[in-house]
Amino acid sequence: MATARDRKARPPFTGKPLRDVPIPAAKLWRDDEFGTAVLSDYNERLQKDFGENPFLKIYKVAAGIVHGSNPFAACLVDMIARPEARIATPVDLQAILISQDRTSTPVDVRGGYKDAAFVLRSVKEPNSYIAESLAEQLDPKTEWPVVIWLSGLELVKDPDSPRGLNFKFTENTTYHHTPILAEKSGHFDDDAVDPAMGLPTRLGGTERYLYSVEEGLSRLYFGRGSSLDTIWDELDNSQVDGRTVLVDNTVPADRMPDYMDGLDAALDVLERRPRRK
């Protein structure tokens, strides 16, 4: 795993007990006090910084939940929610998925789709312009295909881009080589998921499905039935069942493997955790 700040190898898992690791607070983006403030700031930024770009005008509130998602909008939400929160990464979403049956207040990540990352397989179409831009910002030694988390990217105006938008690396940008994304689509089981990446290392099994393609830049999102989809190349498309999961940003994403390792003993810890006001 690499970040723009530090591309050294990730330190080995320490085996630290779960009760010594902060439990990540996560929730769907709702129109509560914090969520409303984020949406208000989002709409202001949309107008002042992005000239009412139509590909960012996607969010609607219904039944207390903010609906819609595409990578451009998700990235802007992440920028606004920081430093208090971030949009969920693949590691976050995997940990939340695994923990759903072990907490009395689960976050529903099985409904709708959640944009979490880009998959960069080549600078060919689809999305060759943005693919080339992202590729230029990678460490030249990085092997492909590459997963680039949306959380930690900066959304910028780009008049030469087909949608007038592009992405810039920051010190919080995280990416890593993921060989499985060079494989064809297939089933996998949760025990094949690398907790440091939130993605499977091998195919085979029956529990979940990975949708994969061969070229270009595509979205990576957790699908409606907990599938992993990397074939959606329409970066501006937003559907009503799009969801955004906001995670407490005081818990670094690279601590999530510790969290997952102790999930068998998580229930009592989660129930004793003071609720955030």
Protein backbone atom coordinates (compact mmCIF):
# COMPACT_ATOMS: atom_id res chain seq x y z
CA MET A 1 0.00 0.00 0.00
CA ALA A 2 1.33 3.46 -0.79
CA THR A 3 0.40 6.99 0.08
CA ALA A 4 1.55 10.29 -1.32
CA ARG A 5 3.15 11.04 2.05
CA ASP A 6 4.88 7.73 2.69
CA ARG A 7 5.37 4.93 0.16
CA LYS A 8 7.30 2.63 2.49
CA ALA A 9 5.99 -0.88 3.05
CA ARG A 10 3.12 -1.14 5.52
CA PRO A 11 4.35 -2.33 8.94
CA PRO A 12 3.44 -5.91 9.85
CA PHE A 13 0.31 -6.64 11.84
CA THR A 14 1.10 -6.33 15.54
CA GLY A 15 -1.71 -8.49 16.86
CA LYS A 16 -2.82 -5.73 19.23
CA PRO A 17 -6.01 -6.69 21.13
CA LEU A 18 -9.21 -5.13 19.86
CA ARG A 19 -10.01 -3.44 23.18
CA ASP A 20 -6.80 -1.39 22.72
CA VAL A 21 -7.83 -0.27 19.24
CA PRO A 22 -10.37 2.54 18.67
CA ILE A 23 -13.64 1.24 17.24
CA PRO A 24 -14.54 3.17 14.07
CA ALA A 25 -17.85 4.97 14.30
CA ALA A 26 -19.55 4.79 10.91
CA LYS A 27 -22.96 5.70 9.57
CA LEU A 28 -24.86 6.37 6.40
CA TRP A 29 -24.89 10.00 5.34
CA ARG A 30 -28.12 11.34 6.81
CA ASP A 31 -29.73 14.74 7.24
CA ASP A 32 -28.78 14.92 10.93
CA GLU A 33 -26.84 17.88 12.30
CA PHE A 34 -23.48 16.82 10.89
CA GLY A 35 -24.87 15.47 7.63
CA THR A 36 -26.88 18.62 6.97
CA ALA A 37 -23.82 20.78 7.59
CA VAL A 38 -21.82 18.69 5.10
CA LEU A 39 -24.57 18.95 2.48
CA SER A 40 -24.89 22.71 2.98
CA ASP A 41 -21.14 23.17 2.57
CA TYR A 42 -21.23 20.86 -0.45
CA ASN A 43 -23.86 22.97 -2.21
CA GLU A 44 -21.90 26.12 -1.45
CA ARG A 45 -18.71 24.65 -2.87
CA LEU A 46 -20.63 23.39 -5.89
CA GLN A 47 -21.68 26.94 -6.67
CA LYS A 48 -18.55 28.90 -5.76
CA ASP A 49 -15.73 26.51 -6.68
CA PHE A 50 -17.22 24.33 -9.41
CA GLY A 51 -19.60 26.63 -11.27
CA GLU A 52 -22.68 24.45 -10.72
CA ASN A 53 -21.04 21.58 -12.60
CA PRO A 54 -23.98 19.31 -13.51
CA PHE A 55 -22.05 16.13 -12.69
CA LEU A 56 -21.89 17.25 -9.06
CA LYS A 57 -25.57 18.15 -8.72
CA ILE A 58 -26.66 14.67 -7.74
CA TYR A 59 -27.68 14.53 -4.08
CA LYS A 60 -31.27 14.37 -2.87
CA VAL A 61 -32.57 13.84 0.66
CA ALA A 62 -35.42 11.39 1.20
CA ALA A 63 -36.54 9.50 4.32
CA GLY A 64 -33.70 11.06 6.27
CA ILE A 65 -30.95 9.67 3.99
CA VAL A 66 -28.85 11.42 1.34
CA HIS A 67 -29.31 9.57 -1.96
CA GLY A 68 -26.96 9.42 -4.94
CA SER A 69 -23.28 8.80 -5.59
CA ASN A 70 -20.56 9.13 -8.18
CA PRO A 71 -16.76 9.43 -7.74
CA PHE A 72 -16.66 13.19 -8.37
CA ALA A 73 -19.28 13.98 -5.75
CA ALA A 74 -17.94 11.43 -3.26
CA CYS A 75 -14.50 12.99 -3.45
CA LEU A 76 -15.89 16.45 -2.75
CA VAL A 77 -17.87 15.11 0.22
CA ASP A 78 -14.66 13.61 1.59
CA MET A 79 -12.87 16.96 1.26
CA ILE A 80 -15.66 18.73 3.14
CA ALA A 81 -16.13 16.11 5.88
CA ARG A 82 -12.46 16.14 6.83
CA PRO A 83 -10.87 16.26 9.34
CA GLU A 84 -13.74 14.98 11.47
CA ALA A 85 -14.82 12.26 9.03
CA ARG A 86 -13.99 10.62 5.72
CA ILE A 87 -15.95 8.66 3.17
CA ALA A 88 -15.49 4.94 3.70
CA THR A 89 -12.57 3.21 2.02
CA PRO A 90 -12.66 -0.40 0.77
CA VAL A 91 -10.98 -1.40 4.05
CA ASP A 92 -13.62 0.44 6.09
CA LEU A 93 -16.52 -1.07 4.15
CA GLN A 94 -15.15 -4.59 4.46
CA ALA A 95 -14.69 -4.23 8.22
CA ILE A 96 -18.21 -2.83 8.59
CA LEU A 97 -19.64 -5.65 6.47
CA ILE A 98 -17.94 -8.32 8.57
CA SER A 99 -19.03 -6.69 11.84
CA GLN A 100 -22.71 -6.30 10.98
CA ASP A 101 -23.84 -9.42 12.80
CA ARG A 102 -21.73 -8.59 15.87
CA THR A 103 -23.05 -5.17 16.84
CA SER A 104 -26.45 -4.03 18.06
CA THR A 105 -26.24 -0.88 15.91
CA PRO A 106 -24.99 -2.08 12.50
CA VAL A 107 -24.37 0.24 9.57
CA ASP A 108 -26.38 -0.99 6.61
CA VAL A 109 -23.78 -1.39 3.87
CA ARG A 110 -25.73 -4.14 2.10
CA GLY A 111 -28.33 -1.78 0.65
CA GLY A 112 -27.52 0.42 -2.33
CA TYR A 113 -24.05 0.93 -3.78
CA LYS A 114 -21.11 2.74 -2.19
CA ASP A 115 -18.36 4.34 -4.31
CA ALA A 116 -15.01 3.75 -2.61
CA ALA A 117 -12.16 3.84 -5.13
CA PHE A 118 -10.90 3.89 -8.69
CA VAL A 119 -9.38 0.91 -10.48
CA LEU A 120 -6.67 1.93 -12.94
CA ARG A 121 -5.79 -0.88 -15.33
CA SER A 122 -4.41 1.13 -18.26
CA VAL A 123 -4.54 4.62 -19.79
CA LYS A 124 -6.72 3.36 -22.63
CA GLU A 125 -10.45 3.99 -22.86
CA PRO A 126 -12.69 4.12 -20.96
CA ASN A 127 -11.84 7.41 -19.24
CA SER A 128 -8.38 7.70 -20.76
CA TYR A 129 -8.00 11.40 -19.93
CA ILE A 130 -8.44 10.99 -16.18
CA ALA A 131 -6.59 7.67 -16.28
CA GLU A 132 -3.53 9.41 -17.73
CA SER A 133 -3.77 12.19 -15.18
CA LEU A 134 -3.88 9.75 -12.28
CA ALA A 135 -1.11 7.60 -13.75
CA GLU A 136 1.22 10.61 -13.93
CA GLN A 137 0.82 11.08 -10.15
CA LEU A 138 1.70 7.48 -9.22
CA ASP A 139 5.12 6.41 -8.10
CA PRO A 140 6.73 5.24 -11.39
CA LYS A 141 7.61 1.91 -9.77
CA THR A 142 3.97 1.08 -9.04
CA GLU A 143 2.73 -2.12 -10.67
CA TRP A 144 -0.69 -2.21 -12.33
CA PRO A 145 -3.64 -2.65 -11.91
CA VAL A 146 -3.86 -0.03 -9.18
CA VAL A 147 -6.63 0.75 -6.70
CA ILE A 148 -6.80 4.44 -5.73
CA TRP A 149 -9.04 5.35 -2.82
CA LEU A 150 -11.46 8.21 -3.39
CA SER A 151 -10.94 9.25 0.22
CA GLY A 152 -7.82 11.43 0.26
CA LEU A 153 -8.06 12.66 -3.33
CA GLU A 154 -8.73 16.32 -4.16
CA LEU A 155 -11.36 17.22 -6.73
CA VAL A 156 -10.26 20.04 -9.07
CA LYS A 157 -11.66 21.93 -12.04
CA ASP A 158 -10.12 20.93 -15.36
CA PRO A 159 -11.47 22.61 -18.50
CA ASP A 160 -9.74 20.02 -20.69
CA SER A 161 -11.40 17.09 -18.98
CA PRO A 162 -14.53 15.68 -20.69
CA ARG A 163 -16.57 16.49 -17.57
CA GLY A 164 -14.66 19.60 -16.52
CA LEU A 165 -13.34 17.81 -13.43
CA ASN A 166 -10.24 15.90 -12.42
CA PHE A 167 -8.41 14.52 -9.39
CA LYS A 168 -5.24 15.58 -7.64
CA PHE A 169 -3.18 13.53 -5.21
CA THR A 170 -2.72 14.87 -1.68
CA GLU A 171 -0.69 13.76 1.33
CA ASN A 172 -3.70 11.62 2.29
CA THR A 173 -3.99 9.79 -1.03
CA THR A 174 -3.72 6.01 -0.78
CA TYR A 175 -3.18 3.53 -3.60
CA HIS A 176 -1.84 0.02 -4.04
CA HIS A 177 -1.27 -2.69 -6.62
CA THR A 178 -4.03 -5.32 -6.54
CA PRO A 179 -3.23 -8.30 -8.81
CA ILE A 180 -6.68 -9.89 -8.48
CA LEU A 181 -8.14 -7.03 -10.52
CA ALA A 182 -6.27 -8.32 -13.55
CA GLU A 183 -8.33 -11.52 -13.34
CA LYS A 184 -11.72 -12.17 -14.89
CA SER A 185 -14.94 -11.86 -12.92
CA GLY A 186 -15.71 -14.57 -10.39
CA HIS A 187 -16.90 -15.53 -6.93
CA PHE A 188 -14.86 -15.16 -3.75
CA ASP A 189 -15.30 -15.73 -0.03
CA ASP A 190 -14.64 -13.28 2.79
CA ASP A 191 -11.73 -15.33 4.07
CA ALA A 192 -9.92 -14.45 0.81
CA VAL A 193 -10.06 -10.70 1.54
CA ASP A 194 -6.79 -9.00 2.48
CA PRO A 195 -7.72 -6.86 5.52
CA ALA A 196 -5.07 -4.27 4.63
CA MET A 197 -6.72 -3.64 1.26
CA GLY A 198 -10.35 -4.64 1.70
CA LEU A 199 -10.21 -6.65 -1.52
CA PRO A 200 -9.84 -10.38 -2.27
CA THR A 201 -6.49 -11.91 -3.13
CA ARG A 202 -7.95 -14.93 -4.91
CA LEU A 203 -11.16 -16.08 -6.56
CA GLY A 204 -13.11 -19.17 -5.68
CA GLY A 205 -16.03 -19.81 -3.37
CA THR A 206 -19.67 -18.83 -3.32
CA GLU A 207 -20.22 -15.95 -0.88
CA ARG A 208 -19.68 -12.81 -2.98
CA TYR A 209 -18.93 -11.78 -6.56
CA LEU A 210 -16.20 -9.64 -8.13
CA TYR A 211 -17.04 -7.96 -11.44
CA SER A 212 -13.93 -7.13 -13.46
CA VAL A 213 -12.86 -5.78 -16.87
CA GLU A 214 -9.55 -5.52 -18.73
CA GLU A 215 -8.74 -1.91 -19.63
CA GLY A 216 -9.06 1.73 -18.66
CA LEU A 217 -10.28 3.49 -15.53
CA SER A 218 -13.41 2.37 -13.71
CA ARG A 219 -15.19 2.82 -10.41
CA LEU A 220 -14.82 0.41 -7.53
CA TYR A 221 -17.91 0.20 -5.40
CA PHE A 222 -19.55 -2.16 -2.91
CA GLY A 223 -22.73 -3.32 -4.61
CA ARG A 224 -26.26 -3.87 -3.43
CA GLY A 225 -25.64 -7.49 -2.45
CA SER A 226 -22.14 -6.94 -0.99
CA SER A 227 -20.55 -7.64 -4.39
CA LEU A 228 -17.45 -5.78 -5.52
CA ASP A 229 -18.01 -4.06 -8.85
CA THR A 230 -15.16 -2.62 -10.93
CA ILE A 231 -16.83 -2.55 -14.35
CA TRP A 232 -18.85 0.69 -14.10
CA ASP A 233 -16.99 3.17 -16.31
CA GLU A 234 -19.57 5.98 -16.32
CA LEU A 235 -17.89 8.21 -13.78
CA ASP A 236 -20.62 10.84 -13.80
CA ASN A 237 -23.56 8.45 -13.44
CA SER A 238 -25.50 8.60 -10.18
CA GLN A 239 -28.43 6.41 -9.21
CA VAL A 240 -31.07 6.90 -6.52
CA ASP A 241 -29.75 3.92 -4.53
CA GLY A 242 -26.28 5.43 -4.21
CA ARG A 243 -25.19 5.76 -0.59
CA THR A 244 -22.31 7.43 1.23
CA VAL A 245 -20.87 5.97 4.42
CA LEU A 246 -19.05 8.45 6.67
CA VAL A 247 -16.39 7.09 9.02
CA ASP A 248 -14.82 8.69 12.08
CA ASN A 249 -11.53 9.99 10.69
CA THR A 250 -9.72 9.67 14.03
CA VAL A 251 -9.37 5.97 13.17
CA PRO A 252 -6.74 5.66 10.43
CA ALA A 253 -7.76 3.27 7.66
CA ASP A 254 -4.54 1.33 8.11
CA ARG A 255 -5.64 0.40 11.65
CA MET A 256 -8.66 -1.44 10.32
CA PRO A 257 -6.79 -4.78 10.04
CA ASP A 258 -6.35 -4.67 13.84
CA TYR A 259 -10.07 -4.01 14.16
CA MET A 260 -10.99 -6.89 11.90
CA ASP A 261 -8.61 -9.30 13.61
CA GLY A 262 -10.48 -8.88 16.88
CA LEU A 263 -14.03 -8.98 15.56
CA ASP A 264 -14.84 -12.23 17.35
CA ALA A 265 -14.60 -10.34 20.65
CA ALA A 266 -16.11 -7.10 19.37
CA LEU A 267 -19.69 -7.17 20.59
CA ASP A 268 -19.10 -6.30 24.24
CA VAL A 269 -16.58 -3.61 23.28
CA LEU A 270 -18.94 -2.05 20.77
CA GLU A 271 -21.81 -2.01 23.24
CA ARG A 272 -19.68 -0.37 25.93
CA ARG A 273 -18.34 2.30 23.55
CA PRO A 274 -19.74 5.73 24.51
CA ARG A 275 -22.16 6.99 21.90
CA ARG A 276 -21.12 10.12 20.05
CA LYS A 277 -23.45 13.07 20.48
